[in-house]
Amino acid sequence: DLLLVATLPLWARHAAREWPFGEWACKLATALYSVSFYCGVFVLTCLSV
């Protein structure tokens, strides 16, 4: 969940259509967001079993 929160300022910049960091940073932020999201879902699934 910490990675998800860490990428929120980057998503805010993207939503404002001001992305000065380059394509590699966009891909990295997307990857971190996705990994964090799916890890959170996986942990909640494991806890419910």
PDB file of N, CA and C in Angstrom:
ATOM      1  N   ASP A   1       0.819  -1.197   0.000  1.00  0.00           N
ATOM      2  CA  ASP A   1       0.000   0.000   0.000  1.00  0.00           C
ATOM      3  C   ASP A   1       0.863   1.261   0.000  1.00  0.00           C
ATOM      4  N   LEU A   2       2.051   1.148   0.538  1.00  0.00           N
ATOM      5  CA  LEU A   2       2.938   2.307   0.564  1.00  0.00           C
ATOM      6  C   LEU A   2       3.388   2.692  -0.843  1.00  0.00           C
ATOM      7  N   LEU A   3       3.621   1.696  -1.700  1.00  0.00           N
ATOM      8  CA  LEU A   3       3.981   2.003  -3.088  1.00  0.00           C
ATOM      9  C   LEU A   3       2.832   2.692  -3.815  1.00  0.00           C
ATOM     10  N   LEU A   4       1.632   2.279  -3.507  1.00  0.00           N
ATOM     11  CA  LEU A   4       0.458   2.897  -4.124  1.00  0.00           C
ATOM     12  C   LEU A   4       0.366   4.369  -3.739  1.00  0.00           C
ATOM     13  N   VAL A   5       0.572   4.655  -2.469  1.00  0.00           N
ATOM     14  CA  VAL A   5       0.526   6.039  -2.001  1.00  0.00           C
ATOM     15  C   VAL A   5       1.690   6.847  -2.573  1.00  0.00           C
ATOM     16  N   ALA A   6       2.849   6.207  -2.735  1.00  0.00           N
ATOM     17  CA  ALA A   6       4.022   6.906  -3.258  1.00  0.00           C
ATOM     18  C   ALA A   6       3.838   7.322  -4.713  1.00  0.00           C
ATOM     19  N   THR A   7       3.010   6.611  -5.454  1.00  0.00           N
ATOM     20  CA  THR A   7       2.810   6.959  -6.863  1.00  0.00           C
ATOM     21  C   THR A   7       1.679   7.963  -7.079  1.00  0.00           C
ATOM     22  N   LEU A   8       0.930   8.296  -6.050  1.00  0.00           N
ATOM     23  CA  LEU A   8      -0.197   9.223  -6.221  1.00  0.00           C
ATOM     24  C   LEU A   8       0.221  10.618  -6.696  1.00  0.00           C
ATOM     25  N   PRO A   9       1.309  11.208  -6.183  1.00  0.00           N
ATOM     26  CA  PRO A   9       1.709  12.511  -6.742  1.00  0.00           C
ATOM     27  C   PRO A   9       2.051  12.434  -8.230  1.00  0.00           C
ATOM     28  N   LEU A  10       2.608  11.315  -8.648  1.00  0.00           N
ATOM     29  CA  LEU A  10       2.916  11.149 -10.067  1.00  0.00           C
ATOM     30  C   LEU A  10       1.644  11.065 -10.898  1.00  0.00           C
ATOM     31  N   TRP A  11       0.627  10.387 -10.369  1.00  0.00           N
ATOM     32  CA  TRP A  11      -0.641  10.289 -11.092  1.00  0.00           C
ATOM     33  C   TRP A  11      -1.341  11.640 -11.141  1.00  0.00           C
ATOM     34  N   ALA A  12      -1.153  12.455 -10.098  1.00  0.00           N
ATOM     35  CA  ALA A  12      -1.739  13.800 -10.111  1.00  0.00           C
ATOM     36  C   ALA A  12      -1.103  14.647 -11.209  1.00  0.00           C
ATOM     37  N   ARG A  13       0.202  14.529 -11.373  1.00  0.00           N
ATOM     38  CA  ARG A  13       0.880  15.258 -12.455  1.00  0.00           C
ATOM     39  C   ARG A  13       0.396  14.769 -13.817  1.00  0.00           C
ATOM     40  N   HIS A  14       0.190  13.474 -13.923  1.00  0.00           N
ATOM     41  CA  HIS A  14      -0.290  12.902 -15.187  1.00  0.00           C
ATOM     42  C   HIS A  14      -1.710  13.388 -15.493  1.00  0.00           C
ATOM     43  N   ALA A  15      -2.550  13.457 -14.465  1.00  0.00           N
ATOM     44  CA  ALA A  15      -3.927  13.911 -14.663  1.00  0.00           C
ATOM     45  C   ALA A  15      -3.971  15.385 -15.069  1.00  0.00           C
ATOM     46  N   ALA A  16      -2.990  16.150 -14.631  1.00  0.00           N
ATOM     47  CA  ALA A  16      -2.923  17.566 -14.997  1.00  0.00           C
ATOM     48  C   ALA A  16      -2.305  17.759 -16.381  1.00  0.00           C
ATOM     49  N   ARG A  17      -1.969  16.667 -17.026  1.00  0.00           N
ATOM     50  CA  ARG A  17      -1.352  16.669 -18.361  1.00  0.00           C
ATOM     51  C   ARG A  17      -0.016  17.409 -18.376  1.00  0.00           C
ATOM     52  N   GLU A  18       0.704  17.283 -17.275  1.00  0.00           N
ATOM     53  CA  GLU A  18       2.046  17.849 -17.164  1.00  0.00           C
ATOM     54  C   GLU A  18       2.988  16.745 -16.712  1.00  0.00           C
ATOM     55  N   TRP A  19       3.569  16.027 -17.631  1.00  0.00           N
ATOM     56  CA  TRP A  19       4.446  14.916 -17.284  1.00  0.00           C
ATOM     57  C   TRP A  19       5.864  15.223 -17.767  1.00  0.00           C
ATOM     58  N   PRO A  20       6.691  15.843 -16.920  1.00  0.00           N
ATOM     59  CA  PRO A  20       8.036  16.243 -17.353  1.00  0.00           C
ATOM     60  C   PRO A  20       9.091  15.169 -17.145  1.00  0.00           C
ATOM     61  N   PHE A  21       8.725  13.997 -16.667  1.00  0.00           N
ATOM     62  CA  PHE A  21       9.700  13.002 -16.231  1.00  0.00           C
ATOM     63  C   PHE A  21      10.160  12.046 -17.319  1.00  0.00           C
ATOM     64  N   GLY A  22       9.507  12.023 -18.446  1.00  0.00           N
ATOM     65  CA  GLY A  22       9.909  11.134 -19.522  1.00  0.00           C
ATOM     66  C   GLY A  22       9.089   9.857 -19.561  1.00  0.00           C
ATOM     67  N   GLU A  23       9.269   9.123 -20.649  1.00  0.00           N
ATOM     68  CA  GLU A  23       8.483   7.905 -20.863  1.00  0.00           C
ATOM     69  C   GLU A  23       8.856   6.797 -19.890  1.00  0.00           C
ATOM     70  N   TRP A  24      10.142   6.676 -19.558  1.00  0.00           N
ATOM     71  CA  TRP A  24      10.577   5.604 -18.653  1.00  0.00           C
ATOM     72  C   TRP A  24       9.966   5.778 -17.265  1.00  0.00           C
ATOM     73  N   ALA A  25       9.842   7.019 -16.785  1.00  0.00           N
ATOM     74  CA  ALA A  25       9.242   7.260 -15.472  1.00  0.00           C
ATOM     75  C   ALA A  25       7.745   6.958 -15.494  1.00  0.00           C
ATOM     76  N   CYS A  26       7.111   7.213 -16.616  1.00  0.00           N
ATOM     77  CA  CYS A  26       5.689   6.892 -16.751  1.00  0.00           C
ATOM     78  C   CYS A  26       5.475   5.388 -16.665  1.00  0.00           C
ATOM     79  N   LYS A  27       6.310   4.644 -17.361  1.00  0.00           N
ATOM     80  CA  LYS A  27       6.203   3.185 -17.321  1.00  0.00           C
ATOM     81  C   LYS A  27       6.533   2.644 -15.935  1.00  0.00           C
ATOM     82  N   LEU A  28       7.517   3.227 -15.272  1.00  0.00           N
ATOM     83  CA  LEU A  28       7.889   2.792 -13.927  1.00  0.00           C
ATOM     84  C   LEU A  28       6.769   3.071 -12.928  1.00  0.00           C
ATOM     85  N   ALA A  29       6.162   4.246 -13.004  1.00  0.00           N
ATOM     86  CA  ALA A  29       5.060   4.586 -12.109  1.00  0.00           C
ATOM     87  C   ALA A  29       3.871   3.661 -12.337  1.00  0.00           C
ATOM     88  N   THR A  30       3.587   3.346 -13.587  1.00  0.00           N
ATOM     89  CA  THR A  30       2.495   2.426 -13.899  1.00  0.00           C
ATOM     90  C   THR A  30       2.785   1.035 -13.359  1.00  0.00           C
ATOM     91  N   ALA A  31       4.014   0.582 -13.498  1.00  0.00           N
ATOM     92  CA  ALA A  31       4.393  -0.740 -12.994  1.00  0.00           C
ATOM     93  C   ALA A  31       4.301  -0.792 -11.474  1.00  0.00           C
ATOM     94  N   LEU A  32       4.798   0.236 -10.789  1.00  0.00           N
ATOM     95  CA  LEU A  32       4.724   0.266  -9.327  1.00  0.00           C
ATOM     96  C   LEU A  32       3.280   0.285  -8.845  1.00  0.00           C
ATOM     97  N   TYR A  33       2.442   1.055  -9.507  1.00  0.00           N
ATOM     98  CA  TYR A  33       1.034   1.116  -9.148  1.00  0.00           C
ATOM     99  C   TYR A  33       0.376  -0.255  -9.316  1.00  0.00           C
ATOM    100  N   SER A  34       0.633  -0.896 -10.436  1.00  0.00           N
ATOM    101  CA  SER A  34       0.014  -2.197 -10.714  1.00  0.00           C
ATOM    102  C   SER A  34       0.492  -3.264  -9.743  1.00  0.00           C
ATOM    103  N   VAL A  35       1.783  -3.310  -9.498  1.00  0.00           N
ATOM    104  CA  VAL A  35       2.333  -4.302  -8.568  1.00  0.00           C
ATOM    105  C   VAL A  35       1.766  -4.085  -7.174  1.00  0.00           C
ATOM    106  N   SER A  36       1.715  -2.856  -6.730  1.00  0.00           N
ATOM    107  CA  SER A  36       1.190  -2.559  -5.406  1.00  0.00           C
ATOM    108  C   SER A  36      -0.286  -2.936  -5.296  1.00  0.00           C
ATOM    109  N   PHE A  37      -1.054  -2.628  -6.327  1.00  0.00           N
ATOM    110  CA  PHE A  37      -2.477  -2.941  -6.316  1.00  0.00           C
ATOM    111  C   PHE A  37      -2.710  -4.445  -6.221  1.00  0.00           C
ATOM    112  N   TYR A  38      -2.043  -5.202  -7.074  1.00  0.00           N
ATOM    113  CA  TYR A  38      -2.267  -6.644  -7.088  1.00  0.00           C
ATOM    114  C   TYR A  38      -1.681  -7.333  -5.863  1.00  0.00           C
ATOM    115  N   CYS A  39      -0.606  -6.814  -5.304  1.00  0.00           N
ATOM    116  CA  CYS A  39      -0.071  -7.377  -4.059  1.00  0.00           C
ATOM    117  C   CYS A  39      -1.047  -7.151  -2.908  1.00  0.00           C
ATOM    118  N   GLY A  40      -1.672  -5.986  -2.884  1.00  0.00           N
ATOM    119  CA  GLY A  40      -2.669  -5.708  -1.852  1.00  0.00           C
ATOM    120  C   GLY A  40      -3.859  -6.650  -1.949  1.00  0.00           C
ATOM    121  N   VAL A  41      -4.328  -6.890  -3.150  1.00  0.00           N
ATOM    122  CA  VAL A  41      -5.436  -7.827  -3.355  1.00  0.00           C
ATOM    123  C   VAL A  41      -5.019  -9.233  -2.943  1.00  0.00           C
ATOM    124  N   PHE A  42      -3.799  -9.629  -3.274  1.00  0.00           N
ATOM    125  CA  PHE A  42      -3.297 -10.951  -2.921  1.00  0.00           C
ATOM    126  C   PHE A  42      -3.206 -11.120  -1.408  1.00  0.00           C
ATOM    127  N   VAL A  43      -2.713 -10.115  -0.712  1.00  0.00           N
ATOM    128  CA  VAL A  43      -2.599 -10.185   0.748  1.00  0.00           C
ATOM    129  C   VAL A  43      -3.984 -10.293   1.378  1.00  0.00           C
ATOM    130  N   LEU A  44      -4.934  -9.515   0.912  1.00  0.00           N
ATOM    131  CA  LEU A  44      -6.289  -9.605   1.458  1.00  0.00           C
ATOM    132  C   LEU A  44      -6.914 -10.968   1.188  1.00  0.00           C
ATOM    133  N   THR A  45      -6.635 -11.545   0.039  1.00  0.00           N
ATOM    134  CA  THR A  45      -7.132 -12.881  -0.273  1.00  0.00           C
ATOM    135  C   THR A  45      -6.520 -13.912   0.656  1.00  0.00           C
ATOM    136  N   CYS A  46      -5.229 -13.801   0.904  1.00  0.00           N
ATOM    137  CA  CYS A  46      -4.558 -14.740   1.811  1.00  0.00           C
ATOM    138  C   CYS A  46      -5.091 -14.616   3.235  1.00  0.00           C
ATOM    139  N   LEU A  47      -5.383 -13.407   3.662  1.00  0.00           N
ATOM    140  CA  LEU A  47      -5.904 -13.209   5.011  1.00  0.00           C
ATOM    141  C   LEU A  47      -7.310 -13.777   5.171  1.00  0.00           C
ATOM    142  N   SER A  48      -8.075 -13.805   4.111  1.00  0.00           N
ATOM    143  CA  SER A  48      -9.450 -14.285   4.212  1.00  0.00           C
ATOM    144  C   SER A  48      -9.556 -15.808   4.163  1.00  0.00           C
ATOM    145  N   VAL A  49      -8.476 -16.470   3.800  1.00  0.00           N
ATOM    146  CA  VAL A  49      -8.515 -17.936   3.696  1.00  0.00           C
ATOM    147  C   VAL A  49      -8.265 -18.574   5.025  1.00  0.00           C
TER     148      VAL A  49
END
